[in-house]
Amino acid sequence: SDSVKGRFTISRDNAKNTVYLQMNSLEPDDTAVFYCAARLTPVIS
């Protein structure tokens, strides 16, 4: 999203079936409950 671009980095470790979200330069507006989600069908766009 535009609000986190340049501050957050998403990455994955396929062997561990784990996805990460590195969050830097955090701001009070980043306060929230963060949810992880998985898609099990091909990505069209």
PDB file of all heavy atoms in Angstrom:
ATOM      1  N   SER A   1       0.860  -1.177   0.000  1.00  0.00           N
ATOM      2  CA  SER A   1       0.000   0.000   0.000  1.00  0.00           C
ATOM      3  C   SER A   1       0.903   1.235   0.000  1.00  0.00           C
ATOM      4  O   SER A   1       2.060   1.181   0.428  1.00  0.00           O
ATOM      5  CB  SER A   1      -0.895   0.000   1.237  1.00  0.00           C
ATOM      6  OG  SER A   1      -0.122   0.213   2.411  1.00  0.00           O
ATOM      7  N   ASP A   2       0.372   2.326  -0.477  1.00  0.00           N
ATOM      8  CA  ASP A   2       1.155   3.565  -0.541  1.00  0.00           C
ATOM      9  C   ASP A   2       1.586   4.018   0.847  1.00  0.00           C
ATOM     10  O   ASP A   2       2.648   4.629   1.008  1.00  0.00           O
ATOM     11  CB  ASP A   2       0.344   4.665  -1.216  1.00  0.00           C
ATOM     12  CG  ASP A   2       0.176   4.420  -2.703  1.00  0.00           C
ATOM     13  OD1 ASP A   2       0.945   3.624  -3.278  1.00  0.00           O
ATOM     14  OD2 ASP A   2      -0.748   5.020  -3.297  1.00  0.00           O
ATOM     15  N   SER A   3       0.775   3.722   1.851  1.00  0.00           N
ATOM     16  CA  SER A   3       1.058   4.211   3.199  1.00  0.00           C
ATOM     17  C   SER A   3       2.257   3.521   3.855  1.00  0.00           C
ATOM     18  O   SER A   3       2.832   4.067   4.811  1.00  0.00           O
ATOM     19  CB  SER A   3      -0.176   4.051   4.084  1.00  0.00           C
ATOM     20  OG  SER A   3      -0.527   2.686   4.209  1.00  0.00           O
ATOM     21  N   VAL A   4       2.647   2.347   3.358  1.00  0.00           N
ATOM     22  CA  VAL A   4       3.762   1.629   3.981  1.00  0.00           C
ATOM     23  C   VAL A   4       4.944   1.452   3.036  1.00  0.00           C
ATOM     24  O   VAL A   4       6.013   1.006   3.483  1.00  0.00           O
ATOM     25  CB  VAL A   4       3.327   0.247   4.514  1.00  0.00           C
ATOM     26  CG1 VAL A   4       2.110   0.384   5.422  1.00  0.00           C
ATOM     27  CG2 VAL A   4       3.042  -0.722   3.372  1.00  0.00           C
ATOM     28  N   LYS A   5       4.773   1.786   1.775  1.00  0.00           N
ATOM     29  CA  LYS A   5       5.849   1.595   0.795  1.00  0.00           C
ATOM     30  C   LYS A   5       7.089   2.359   1.228  1.00  0.00           C
ATOM     31  O   LYS A   5       7.019   3.525   1.596  1.00  0.00           O
ATOM     32  CB  LYS A   5       5.380   2.067  -0.579  1.00  0.00           C
ATOM     33  CG  LYS A   5       6.270   1.633  -1.730  1.00  0.00           C
ATOM     34  CD  LYS A   5       5.658   2.074  -3.061  1.00  0.00           C
ATOM     35  CE  LYS A   5       4.326   1.428  -3.312  1.00  0.00           C
ATOM     36  NZ  LYS A   5       3.747   1.819  -4.614  1.00  0.00           N
ATOM     37  N   GLY A   6       8.215   1.676   1.210  1.00  0.00           N
ATOM     38  CA  GLY A   6       9.466   2.284   1.636  1.00  0.00           C
ATOM     39  C   GLY A   6       9.769   2.097   3.106  1.00  0.00           C
ATOM     40  O   GLY A   6      10.904   2.308   3.544  1.00  0.00           O
ATOM     41  N   ARG A   7       8.774   1.710   3.888  1.00  0.00           N
ATOM     42  CA  ARG A   7       8.976   1.481   5.328  1.00  0.00           C
ATOM     43  C   ARG A   7       8.835   0.009   5.696  1.00  0.00           C
ATOM     44  O   ARG A   7       9.530  -0.475   6.591  1.00  0.00           O
ATOM     45  CB  ARG A   7       7.978   2.295   6.150  1.00  0.00           C
ATOM     46  CG  ARG A   7       8.065   3.798   5.926  1.00  0.00           C
ATOM     47  CD  ARG A   7       7.193   4.546   6.925  1.00  0.00           C
ATOM     48  NE  ARG A   7       5.780   4.233   6.782  1.00  0.00           N
ATOM     49  CZ  ARG A   7       5.005   3.762   7.756  1.00  0.00           C
ATOM     50  NH1 ARG A   7       5.511   3.554   8.956  1.00  0.00           N
ATOM     51  NH2 ARG A   7       3.717   3.506   7.538  1.00  0.00           N
ATOM     52  N   PHE A   8       7.929  -0.694   5.035  1.00  0.00           N
ATOM     53  CA  PHE A   8       7.667  -2.099   5.327  1.00  0.00           C
ATOM     54  C   PHE A   8       8.218  -2.970   4.197  1.00  0.00           C
ATOM     55  O   PHE A   8       8.226  -2.564   3.030  1.00  0.00           O
ATOM     56  CB  PHE A   8       6.165  -2.364   5.447  1.00  0.00           C
ATOM     57  CG  PHE A   8       5.497  -1.734   6.644  1.00  0.00           C
ATOM     58  CD1 PHE A   8       6.159  -0.834   7.463  1.00  0.00           C
ATOM     59  CD2 PHE A   8       4.182  -2.066   6.936  1.00  0.00           C
ATOM     60  CE1 PHE A   8       5.531  -0.260   8.549  1.00  0.00           C
ATOM     61  CE2 PHE A   8       3.536  -1.505   8.024  1.00  0.00           C
ATOM     62  CZ  PHE A   8       4.208  -0.598   8.829  1.00  0.00           C
ATOM     63  N   THR A   9       8.644  -4.171   4.560  1.00  0.00           N
ATOM     64  CA  THR A   9       9.127  -5.140   3.583  1.00  0.00           C
ATOM     65  C   THR A   9       8.514  -6.498   3.874  1.00  0.00           C
ATOM     66  O   THR A   9       8.617  -6.999   4.999  1.00  0.00           O
ATOM     67  CB  THR A   9      10.656  -5.261   3.619  1.00  0.00           C
ATOM     68  OG1 THR A   9      11.250  -3.973   3.388  1.00  0.00           O
ATOM     69  CG2 THR A   9      11.143  -6.234   2.546  1.00  0.00           C
ATOM     70  N   ILE A  10       7.876  -7.079   2.855  1.00  0.00           N
ATOM     71  CA  ILE A  10       7.306  -8.419   2.989  1.00  0.00           C
ATOM     72  C   ILE A  10       8.267  -9.414   2.353  1.00  0.00           C
ATOM     73  O   ILE A  10       8.876  -9.128   1.320  1.00  0.00           O
ATOM     74  CB  ILE A  10       5.899  -8.508   2.350  1.00  0.00           C
ATOM     75  CG1 ILE A  10       5.235  -9.843   2.679  1.00  0.00           C
ATOM     76  CG2 ILE A  10       5.959  -8.275   0.848  1.00  0.00           C
ATOM     77  CD1 ILE A  10       3.758  -9.895   2.284  1.00  0.00           C
ATOM     78  N   SER A  11       8.407 -10.562   2.981  1.00  0.00           N
ATOM     79  CA  SER A  11       9.281 -11.611   2.450  1.00  0.00           C
ATOM     80  C   SER A  11       8.706 -12.952   2.857  1.00  0.00           C
ATOM     81  O   SER A  11       7.804 -13.028   3.690  1.00  0.00           O
ATOM     82  CB  SER A  11      10.715 -11.452   2.965  1.00  0.00           C
ATOM     83  OG  SER A  11      10.754 -11.565   4.375  1.00  0.00           O
ATOM     84  N   ARG A  12       9.229 -14.020   2.225  1.00  0.00           N
ATOM     85  CA  ARG A  12       8.730 -15.339   2.589  1.00  0.00           C
ATOM     86  C   ARG A  12       9.869 -16.340   2.599  1.00  0.00           C
ATOM     87  O   ARG A  12      10.871 -16.173   1.920  1.00  0.00           O
ATOM     88  CB  ARG A  12       7.597 -15.796   1.652  1.00  0.00           C
ATOM     89  CG  ARG A  12       8.033 -16.581   0.414  1.00  0.00           C
ATOM     90  CD  ARG A  12       8.325 -15.666  -0.724  1.00  0.00           C
ATOM     91  NE  ARG A  12       8.423 -16.392  -1.994  1.00  0.00           N
ATOM     92  CZ  ARG A  12       9.443 -16.283  -2.820  1.00  0.00           C
ATOM     93  NH1 ARG A  12      10.473 -15.525  -2.505  1.00  0.00           N
ATOM     94  NH2 ARG A  12       9.451 -16.933  -3.969  1.00  0.00           N
ATOM     95  N   ASP A  13       9.657 -17.366   3.406  1.00  0.00           N
ATOM     96  CA  ASP A  13      10.587 -18.501   3.459  1.00  0.00           C
ATOM     97  C   ASP A  13       9.759 -19.715   3.069  1.00  0.00           C
ATOM     98  O   ASP A  13       8.991 -20.239   3.876  1.00  0.00           O
ATOM     99  CB  ASP A  13      11.166 -18.644   4.868  1.00  0.00           C
ATOM    100  CG  ASP A  13      12.209 -19.742   4.955  1.00  0.00           C
ATOM    101  OD1 ASP A  13      12.101 -20.739   4.217  1.00  0.00           O
ATOM    102  OD2 ASP A  13      13.127 -19.617   5.772  1.00  0.00           O
ATOM    103  N   ASN A  14       9.912 -20.144   1.814  1.00  0.00           N
ATOM    104  CA  ASN A  14       9.077 -21.240   1.313  1.00  0.00           C
ATOM    105  C   ASN A  14       9.303 -22.524   2.103  1.00  0.00           C
ATOM    106  O   ASN A  14       8.360 -23.267   2.356  1.00  0.00           O
ATOM    107  CB  ASN A  14       9.383 -21.486  -0.164  1.00  0.00           C
ATOM    108  CG  ASN A  14       8.999 -20.313  -1.028  1.00  0.00           C
ATOM    109  OD1 ASN A  14       9.396 -19.177  -0.766  1.00  0.00           O
ATOM    110  ND2 ASN A  14       8.237 -20.558  -2.069  1.00  0.00           N
ATOM    111  N   ALA A  15      10.525 -22.772   2.504  1.00  0.00           N
ATOM    112  CA  ALA A  15      10.833 -24.009   3.223  1.00  0.00           C
ATOM    113  C   ALA A  15      10.127 -24.058   4.575  1.00  0.00           C
ATOM    114  O   ALA A  15       9.750 -25.125   5.053  1.00  0.00           O
ATOM    115  CB  ALA A  15      12.338 -24.151   3.404  1.00  0.00           C
ATOM    116  N   LYS A  16       9.964 -22.898   5.182  1.00  0.00           N
ATOM    117  CA  LYS A  16       9.321 -22.838   6.496  1.00  0.00           C
ATOM    118  C   LYS A  16       7.844 -22.479   6.399  1.00  0.00           C
ATOM    119  O   LYS A  16       7.166 -22.377   7.428  1.00  0.00           O
ATOM    120  CB  LYS A  16      10.028 -21.795   7.374  1.00  0.00           C
ATOM    121  CG  LYS A  16      11.468 -22.150   7.722  1.00  0.00           C
ATOM    122  CD  LYS A  16      12.078 -21.098   8.641  1.00  0.00           C
ATOM    123  CE  LYS A  16      13.503 -21.460   9.026  1.00  0.00           C
ATOM    124  NZ  LYS A  16      14.114 -20.435   9.915  1.00  0.00           N
ATOM    125  N   ASN A  17       7.347 -22.274   5.172  1.00  0.00           N
ATOM    126  CA  ASN A  17       5.943 -21.868   4.984  1.00  0.00           C
ATOM    127  C   ASN A  17       5.613 -20.664   5.858  1.00  0.00           C
ATOM    128  O   ASN A  17       4.573 -20.626   6.529  1.00  0.00           O
ATOM    129  CB  ASN A  17       4.995 -23.024   5.303  1.00  0.00           C
ATOM    130  CG  ASN A  17       5.100 -24.137   4.293  1.00  0.00           C
ATOM    131  OD1 ASN A  17       5.183 -23.887   3.085  1.00  0.00           O
ATOM    132  ND2 ASN A  17       5.118 -25.367   4.768  1.00  0.00           N
ATOM    133  N   THR A  18       6.493 -19.699   5.849  1.00  0.00           N
ATOM    134  CA  THR A  18       6.355 -18.535   6.708  1.00  0.00           C
ATOM    135  C   THR A  18       6.520 -17.256   5.892  1.00  0.00           C
ATOM    136  O   THR A  18       7.387 -17.187   5.013  1.00  0.00           O
ATOM    137  CB  THR A  18       7.394 -18.569   7.845  1.00  0.00           C
ATOM    138  OG1 THR A  18       7.189 -19.743   8.637  1.00  0.00           O
ATOM    139  CG2 THR A  18       7.268 -17.347   8.735  1.00  0.00           C
ATOM    140  N   VAL A  19       5.690 -16.294   6.190  1.00  0.00           N
ATOM    141  CA  VAL A  19       5.811 -14.969   5.571  1.00  0.00           C
ATOM    142  C   VAL A  19       6.120 -13.969   6.679  1.00  0.00           C
ATOM    143  O   VAL A  19       5.658 -14.116   7.809  1.00  0.00           O
ATOM    144  CB  VAL A  19       4.521 -14.591   4.806  1.00  0.00           C
ATOM    145  CG1 VAL A  19       3.335 -14.448   5.743  1.00  0.00           C
ATOM    146  CG2 VAL A  19       4.723 -13.319   4.011  1.00  0.00           C
ATOM    147  N   TYR A  20       6.927 -12.981   6.339  1.00  0.00           N
ATOM    148  CA  TYR A  20       7.371 -11.984   7.302  1.00  0.00           C
ATOM    149  C   TYR A  20       6.954 -10.591   6.849  1.00  0.00           C
ATOM    150  O   TYR A  20       6.803 -10.330   5.657  1.00  0.00           O
ATOM    151  CB  TYR A  20       8.890 -12.023   7.457  1.00  0.00           C
ATOM    152  CG  TYR A  20       9.432 -13.378   7.834  1.00  0.00           C
ATOM    153  CD1 TYR A  20       9.929 -14.232   6.847  1.00  0.00           C
ATOM    154  CD2 TYR A  20       9.451 -13.797   9.152  1.00  0.00           C
ATOM    155  CE1 TYR A  20      10.432 -15.487   7.183  1.00  0.00           C
ATOM    156  CE2 TYR A  20       9.944 -15.047   9.494  1.00  0.00           C
ATOM    157  CZ  TYR A  20      10.437 -15.882   8.508  1.00  0.00           C
ATOM    158  OH  TYR A  20      10.921 -17.118   8.843  1.00  0.00           O
ATOM    159  N   LEU A  21       6.812  -9.700   7.821  1.00  0.00           N
ATOM    160  CA  LEU A  21       6.589  -8.294   7.515  1.00  0.00           C
ATOM    161  C   LEU A  21       7.535  -7.497   8.398  1.00  0.00           C
ATOM    162  O   LEU A  21       7.331  -7.389   9.610  1.00  0.00           O
ATOM    163  CB  LEU A  21       5.136  -7.881   7.773  1.00  0.00           C
ATOM    164  CG  LEU A  21       4.803  -6.458   7.346  1.00  0.00           C
ATOM    165  CD1 LEU A  21       4.866  -6.328   5.816  1.00  0.00           C
ATOM    166  CD2 LEU A  21       3.423  -6.046   7.854  1.00  0.00           C
ATOM    167  N   GLN A  22       8.598  -6.994   7.794  1.00  0.00           N
ATOM    168  CA  GLN A  22       9.536  -6.137   8.509  1.00  0.00           C
ATOM    169  C   GLN A  22       9.015  -4.718   8.459  1.00  0.00           C
ATOM    170  O   GLN A  22       8.821  -4.163   7.374  1.00  0.00           O
ATOM    171  CB  GLN A  22      10.923  -6.203   7.863  1.00  0.00           C
ATOM    172  CG  GLN A  22      11.954  -5.294   8.504  1.00  0.00           C
ATOM    173  CD  GLN A  22      12.288  -5.690   9.930  1.00  0.00           C
ATOM    174  OE1 GLN A  22      12.452  -6.872  10.228  1.00  0.00           O
ATOM    175  NE2 GLN A  22      12.369  -4.703  10.818  1.00  0.00           N
ATOM    176  N   MET A  23       8.780  -4.134   9.620  1.00  0.00           N
ATOM    177  CA  MET A  23       8.197  -2.800   9.700  1.00  0.00           C
ATOM    178  C   MET A  23       9.194  -1.849  10.345  1.00  0.00           C
ATOM    179  O   MET A  23       9.567  -2.033  11.508  1.00  0.00           O
ATOM    180  CB  MET A  23       6.899  -2.849  10.516  1.00  0.00           C
ATOM    181  CG  MET A  23       5.891  -3.857   9.990  1.00  0.00           C
ATOM    182  SD  MET A  23       4.305  -3.795  10.857  1.00  0.00           S
ATOM    183  CE  MET A  23       4.795  -4.321  12.496  1.00  0.00           C
ATOM    184  N   ASN A  24       9.627  -0.876   9.578  1.00  0.00           N
ATOM    185  CA  ASN A  24      10.582   0.126  10.064  1.00  0.00           C
ATOM    186  C   ASN A  24       9.916   1.500  10.087  1.00  0.00           C
ATOM    187  O   ASN A  24       8.863   1.711   9.475  1.00  0.00           O
ATOM    188  CB  ASN A  24      11.812   0.167   9.161  1.00  0.00           C
ATOM    189  CG  ASN A  24      12.565  -1.149   9.135  1.00  0.00           C
ATOM    190  OD1 ASN A  24      12.601  -1.890  10.122  1.00  0.00           O
ATOM    191  ND2 ASN A  24      13.171  -1.451   8.001  1.00  0.00           N
ATOM    192  N   SER A  25      10.551   2.425  10.796  1.00  0.00           N
ATOM    193  CA  SER A  25      10.042   3.809  10.880  1.00  0.00           C
ATOM    194  C   SER A  25       8.564   3.822  11.243  1.00  0.00           C
ATOM    195  O   SER A  25       7.761   4.518  10.613  1.00  0.00           O
ATOM    196  CB  SER A  25      10.282   4.540   9.548  1.00  0.00           C
ATOM    197  OG  SER A  25      11.650   4.554   9.218  1.00  0.00           O
ATOM    198  N   LEU A  26       8.202   3.059  12.237  1.00  0.00           N
ATOM    199  CA  LEU A  26       6.796   2.943  12.612  1.00  0.00           C
ATOM    200  C   LEU A  26       6.250   4.276  13.123  1.00  0.00           C
ATOM    201  O   LEU A  26       6.966   5.053  13.776  1.00  0.00           O
ATOM    202  CB  LEU A  26       6.624   1.845  13.665  1.00  0.00           C
ATOM    203  CG  LEU A  26       6.663   0.430  13.098  1.00  0.00           C
ATOM    204  CD1 LEU A  26       6.938  -0.592  14.191  1.00  0.00           C
ATOM    205  CD2 LEU A  26       5.367   0.111  12.372  1.00  0.00           C
ATOM    206  N   GLU A  27       4.995   4.494  12.822  1.00  0.00           N
ATOM    207  CA  GLU A  27       4.295   5.725  13.188  1.00  0.00           C
ATOM    208  C   GLU A  27       3.066   5.361  14.020  1.00  0.00           C
ATOM    209  O   GLU A  27       2.544   4.250  13.904  1.00  0.00           O
ATOM    210  CB  GLU A  27       3.866   6.460  11.918  1.00  0.00           C
ATOM    211  CG  GLU A  27       5.000   6.756  10.960  1.00  0.00           C
ATOM    212  CD  GLU A  27       4.505   7.188   9.589  1.00  0.00           C
ATOM    213  OE1 GLU A  27       3.273   7.129   9.359  1.00  0.00           O
ATOM    214  OE2 GLU A  27       5.344   7.591   8.759  1.00  0.00           O
ATOM    215  N   PRO A  28       2.585   6.298  14.847  1.00  0.00           N
ATOM    216  CA  PRO A  28       1.383   6.011  15.635  1.00  0.00           C
ATOM    217  C   PRO A  28       0.199   5.567  14.773  1.00  0.00           C
ATOM    218  O   PRO A  28      -0.604   4.741  15.213  1.00  0.00           O
ATOM    219  CB  PRO A  28       1.107   7.341  16.336  1.00  0.00           C
ATOM    220  CG  PRO A  28       2.465   7.947  16.506  1.00  0.00           C
ATOM    221  CD  PRO A  28       3.210   7.571  15.252  1.00  0.00           C
ATOM    222  N   ASP A  29       0.115   6.067  13.543  1.00  0.00           N
ATOM    223  CA  ASP A  29      -0.978   5.670  12.647  1.00  0.00           C
ATOM    224  C   ASP A  29      -0.862   4.227  12.199  1.00  0.00           C
ATOM    225  O   ASP A  29      -1.795   3.689  11.594  1.00  0.00           O
ATOM    226  CB  ASP A  29      -1.023   6.577  11.414  1.00  0.00           C
ATOM    227  CG  ASP A  29      -1.635   7.933  11.726  1.00  0.00           C
ATOM    228  OD1 ASP A  29      -2.213   8.086  12.826  1.00  0.00           O
ATOM    229  OD2 ASP A  29      -1.525   8.842  10.886  1.00  0.00           O
ATOM    230  N   ASP A  30       0.253   3.578  12.459  1.00  0.00           N
ATOM    231  CA  ASP A  30       0.394   2.167  12.123  1.00  0.00           C
ATOM    232  C   ASP A  30      -0.234   1.274  13.182  1.00  0.00           C
ATOM    233  O   ASP A  30      -0.307   0.054  13.002  1.00  0.00           O
ATOM    234  CB  ASP A  30       1.874   1.795  11.978  1.00  0.00           C
ATOM    235  CG  ASP A  30       2.544   2.470  10.793  1.00  0.00           C
ATOM    236  OD1 ASP A  30       1.916   2.511   9.711  1.00  0.00           O
ATOM    237  OD2 ASP A  30       3.688   2.948  10.947  1.00  0.00           O
ATOM    238  N   THR A  31      -0.676   1.835  14.290  1.00  0.00           N
ATOM    239  CA  THR A  31      -1.304   1.059  15.355  1.00  0.00           C
ATOM    240  C   THR A  31      -2.545   0.352  14.826  1.00  0.00           C
ATOM    241  O   THR A  31      -3.460   0.989  14.301  1.00  0.00           O
ATOM    242  CB  THR A  31      -1.680   1.957  16.538  1.00  0.00           C
ATOM    243  OG1 THR A  31      -0.472   2.491  17.118  1.00  0.00           O
ATOM    244  CG2 THR A  31      -2.455   1.178  17.598  1.00  0.00           C
ATOM    245  N   ALA A  32      -2.569  -0.971  14.970  1.00  0.00           N
ATOM    246  CA  ALA A  32      -3.670  -1.763  14.435  1.00  0.00           C
ATOM    247  C   ALA A  32      -3.460  -3.221  14.810  1.00  0.00           C
ATOM    248  O   ALA A  32      -2.377  -3.601  15.285  1.00  0.00           O
ATOM    249  CB  ALA A  32      -3.739  -1.638  12.912  1.00  0.00           C
ATOM    250  N   VAL A  33      -4.480  -4.015  14.557  1.00  0.00           N
ATOM    251  CA  VAL A  33      -4.328  -5.467  14.583  1.00  0.00           C
ATOM    252  C   VAL A  33      -3.930  -5.880  13.169  1.00  0.00           C
ATOM    253  O   VAL A  33      -4.606  -5.527  12.203  1.00  0.00           O
ATOM    254  CB  VAL A  33      -5.620  -6.174  15.007  1.00  0.00           C
ATOM    255  CG1 VAL A  33      -5.432  -7.689  14.936  1.00  0.00           C
ATOM    256  CG2 VAL A  33      -6.028  -5.745  16.408  1.00  0.00           C
ATOM    257  N   PHE A  34      -2.828  -6.594  13.072  1.00  0.00           N
ATOM    258  CA  PHE A  34      -2.319  -7.042  11.774  1.00  0.00           C
ATOM    259  C   PHE A  34      -2.718  -8.494  11.551  1.00  0.00           C
ATOM    260  O   PHE A  34      -2.507  -9.354  12.416  1.00  0.00           O
ATOM    261  CB  PHE A  34      -0.804  -6.885  11.730  1.00  0.00           C
ATOM    262  CG  PHE A  34      -0.354  -5.474  11.470  1.00  0.00           C
ATOM    263  CD1 PHE A  34      -0.517  -4.488  12.425  1.00  0.00           C
ATOM    264  CD2 PHE A  34       0.213  -5.128  10.254  1.00  0.00           C
ATOM    265  CE1 PHE A  34      -0.119  -3.179  12.187  1.00  0.00           C
ATOM    266  CE2 PHE A  34       0.618  -3.825   9.997  1.00  0.00           C
ATOM    267  CZ  PHE A  34       0.452  -2.851  10.961  1.00  0.00           C
ATOM    268  N   TYR A  35      -3.260  -8.754  10.361  1.00  0.00           N
ATOM    269  CA  TYR A  35      -3.733 -10.080   9.999  1.00  0.00           C
ATOM    270  C   TYR A  35      -2.945 -10.617   8.817  1.00  0.00           C
ATOM    271  O   TYR A  35      -2.661  -9.901   7.856  1.00  0.00           O
ATOM    272  CB  TYR A  35      -5.205 -10.048   9.617  1.00  0.00           C
ATOM    273  CG  TYR A  35      -6.136  -9.630  10.725  1.00  0.00           C
ATOM    274  CD1 TYR A  35      -6.486  -8.303  10.886  1.00  0.00           C
ATOM    275  CD2 TYR A  35      -6.672 -10.582  11.588  1.00  0.00           C
ATOM    276  CE1 TYR A  35      -7.354  -7.909  11.896  1.00  0.00           C
ATOM    277  CE2 TYR A  35      -7.545 -10.200  12.606  1.00  0.00           C
ATOM    278  CZ  TYR A  35      -7.870  -8.868  12.751  1.00  0.00           C
ATOM    279  OH  TYR A  35      -8.727  -8.490  13.756  1.00  0.00           O
ATOM    280  N   CYS A  36      -2.660 -11.899   8.889  1.00  0.00           N
ATOM    281  CA  CYS A  36      -2.027 -12.612   7.797  1.00  0.00           C
ATOM    282  C   CYS A  36      -3.121 -13.355   7.039  1.00  0.00           C
ATOM    283  O   CYS A  36      -4.095 -13.819   7.628  1.00  0.00           O
ATOM    284  CB  CYS A  36      -1.008 -13.590   8.382  1.00  0.00           C
ATOM    285  SG  CYS A  36      -0.301 -14.749   7.230  1.00  0.00           S
ATOM    286  N   ALA A  37      -2.963 -13.453   5.701  1.00  0.00           N
ATOM    287  CA  ALA A  37      -3.947 -14.147   4.884  1.00  0.00           C
ATOM    288  C   ALA A  37      -3.257 -14.960   3.802  1.00  0.00           C
ATOM    289  O   ALA A  37      -2.171 -14.599   3.346  1.00  0.00           O
ATOM    290  CB  ALA A  37      -4.904 -13.137   4.244  1.00  0.00           C
ATOM    291  N   ALA A  38      -3.914 -16.035   3.395  1.00  0.00           N
ATOM    292  CA  ALA A  38      -3.356 -16.918   2.366  1.00  0.00           C
ATOM    293  C   ALA A  38      -4.354 -17.107   1.237  1.00  0.00           C
ATOM    294  O   ALA A  38      -5.562 -17.218   1.465  1.00  0.00           O
ATOM    295  CB  ALA A  38      -3.005 -18.272   2.969  1.00  0.00           C
ATOM    296  N   ARG A  39      -3.824 -17.132   0.028  1.00  0.00           N
ATOM    297  CA  ARG A  39      -4.641 -17.362  -1.171  1.00  0.00           C
ATOM    298  C   ARG A  39      -4.258 -18.699  -1.768  1.00  0.00           C
ATOM    299  O   ARG A  39      -3.072 -18.944  -2.042  1.00  0.00           O
ATOM    300  CB  ARG A  39      -4.426 -16.254  -2.193  1.00  0.00           C
ATOM    301  CG  ARG A  39      -5.216 -16.445  -3.479  1.00  0.00           C
ATOM    302  CD  ARG A  39      -4.935 -15.322  -4.453  1.00  0.00           C
ATOM    303  NE  ARG A  39      -5.569 -15.531  -5.733  1.00  0.00           N
ATOM    304  CZ  ARG A  39      -6.792 -15.110  -6.031  1.00  0.00           C
ATOM    305  NH1 ARG A  39      -7.501 -14.425  -5.139  1.00  0.00           N
ATOM    306  NH2 ARG A  39      -7.303 -15.360  -7.213  1.00  0.00           N
ATOM    307  N   LEU A  40      -5.244 -19.556  -2.013  1.00  0.00           N
ATOM    308  CA  LEU A  40      -4.983 -20.905  -2.505  1.00  0.00           C
ATOM    309  C   LEU A  40      -5.414 -21.104  -3.951  1.00  0.00           C
ATOM    310  O   LEU A  40      -5.526 -22.234  -4.410  1.00  0.00           O
ATOM    311  CB  LEU A  40      -5.681 -21.935  -1.609  1.00  0.00           C
ATOM    312  CG  LEU A  40      -4.861 -22.404  -0.384  1.00  0.00           C
ATOM    313  CD1 LEU A  40      -4.528 -21.249   0.539  1.00  0.00           C
ATOM    314  CD2 LEU A  40      -5.601 -23.486   0.356  1.00  0.00           C
ATOM    315  N   THR A  41      -5.637 -20.017  -4.671  1.00  0.00           N
ATOM    316  CA  THR A  41      -5.961 -20.113  -6.088  1.00  0.00           C
ATOM    317  C   THR A  41      -5.012 -19.222  -6.870  1.00  0.00           C
ATOM    318  O   THR A  41      -4.470 -18.270  -6.317  1.00  0.00           O
ATOM    319  CB  THR A  41      -7.417 -19.690  -6.354  1.00  0.00           C
ATOM    320  OG1 THR A  41      -7.630 -18.403  -5.763  1.00  0.00           O
ATOM    321  CG2 THR A  41      -8.389 -20.685  -5.751  1.00  0.00           C
ATOM    322  N   PRO A  42      -4.805 -19.516  -8.164  1.00  0.00           N
ATOM    323  CA  PRO A  42      -3.844 -18.732  -8.956  1.00  0.00           C
ATOM    324  C   PRO A  42      -4.150 -17.243  -8.942  1.00  0.00           C
ATOM    325  O   PRO A  42      -5.305 -16.837  -8.925  1.00  0.00           O
ATOM    326  CB  PRO A  42      -3.982 -19.321 -10.358  1.00  0.00           C
ATOM    327  CG  PRO A  42      -4.446 -20.713 -10.134  1.00  0.00           C
ATOM    328  CD  PRO A  42      -5.353 -20.641  -8.951  1.00  0.00           C
ATOM    329  N   VAL A  43      -3.098 -16.467  -8.953  1.00  0.00           N
ATOM    330  CA  VAL A  43      -3.224 -15.005  -8.955  1.00  0.00           C
ATOM    331  C   VAL A  43      -3.331 -14.519 -10.394  1.00  0.00           C
ATOM    332  O   VAL A  43      -2.432 -14.741 -11.198  1.00  0.00           O
ATOM    333  CB  VAL A  43      -2.013 -14.359  -8.268  1.00  0.00           C
ATOM    334  CG1 VAL A  43      -2.153 -12.837  -8.286  1.00  0.00           C
ATOM    335  CG2 VAL A  43      -1.881 -14.864  -6.837  1.00  0.00           C
ATOM    336  N   ILE A  44      -4.428 -13.854 -10.710  1.00  0.00           N
ATOM    337  CA  ILE A  44      -4.641 -13.346 -12.067  1.00  0.00           C
ATOM    338  C   ILE A  44      -3.941 -11.992 -12.235  1.00  0.00           C
ATOM    339  O   ILE A  44      -3.304 -11.723 -13.247  1.00  0.00           O
ATOM    340  CB  ILE A  44      -6.139 -13.216 -12.385  1.00  0.00           C
ATOM    341  CG1 ILE A  44      -6.829 -14.554 -12.152  1.00  0.00           C
ATOM    342  CG2 ILE A  44      -6.332 -12.713 -13.811  1.00  0.00           C
ATOM    343  CD1 ILE A  44      -6.267 -15.691 -12.976  1.00  0.00           C
ATOM    344  N   SER A  45      -4.066 -11.145 -11.232  1.00  0.00           N
ATOM    345  CA  SER A  45      -3.416  -9.849 -11.284  1.00  0.00           C
ATOM    346  C   SER A  45      -3.085  -9.399  -9.877  1.00  0.00           C
ATOM    347  O   SER A  45      -3.676  -9.855  -8.904  1.00  0.00           O
ATOM    348  CB  SER A  45      -4.314  -8.816 -11.965  1.00  0.00           C
ATOM    349  OG  SER A  45      -5.415  -8.516 -11.133  1.00  0.00           O
TER     350      SER A  45
END
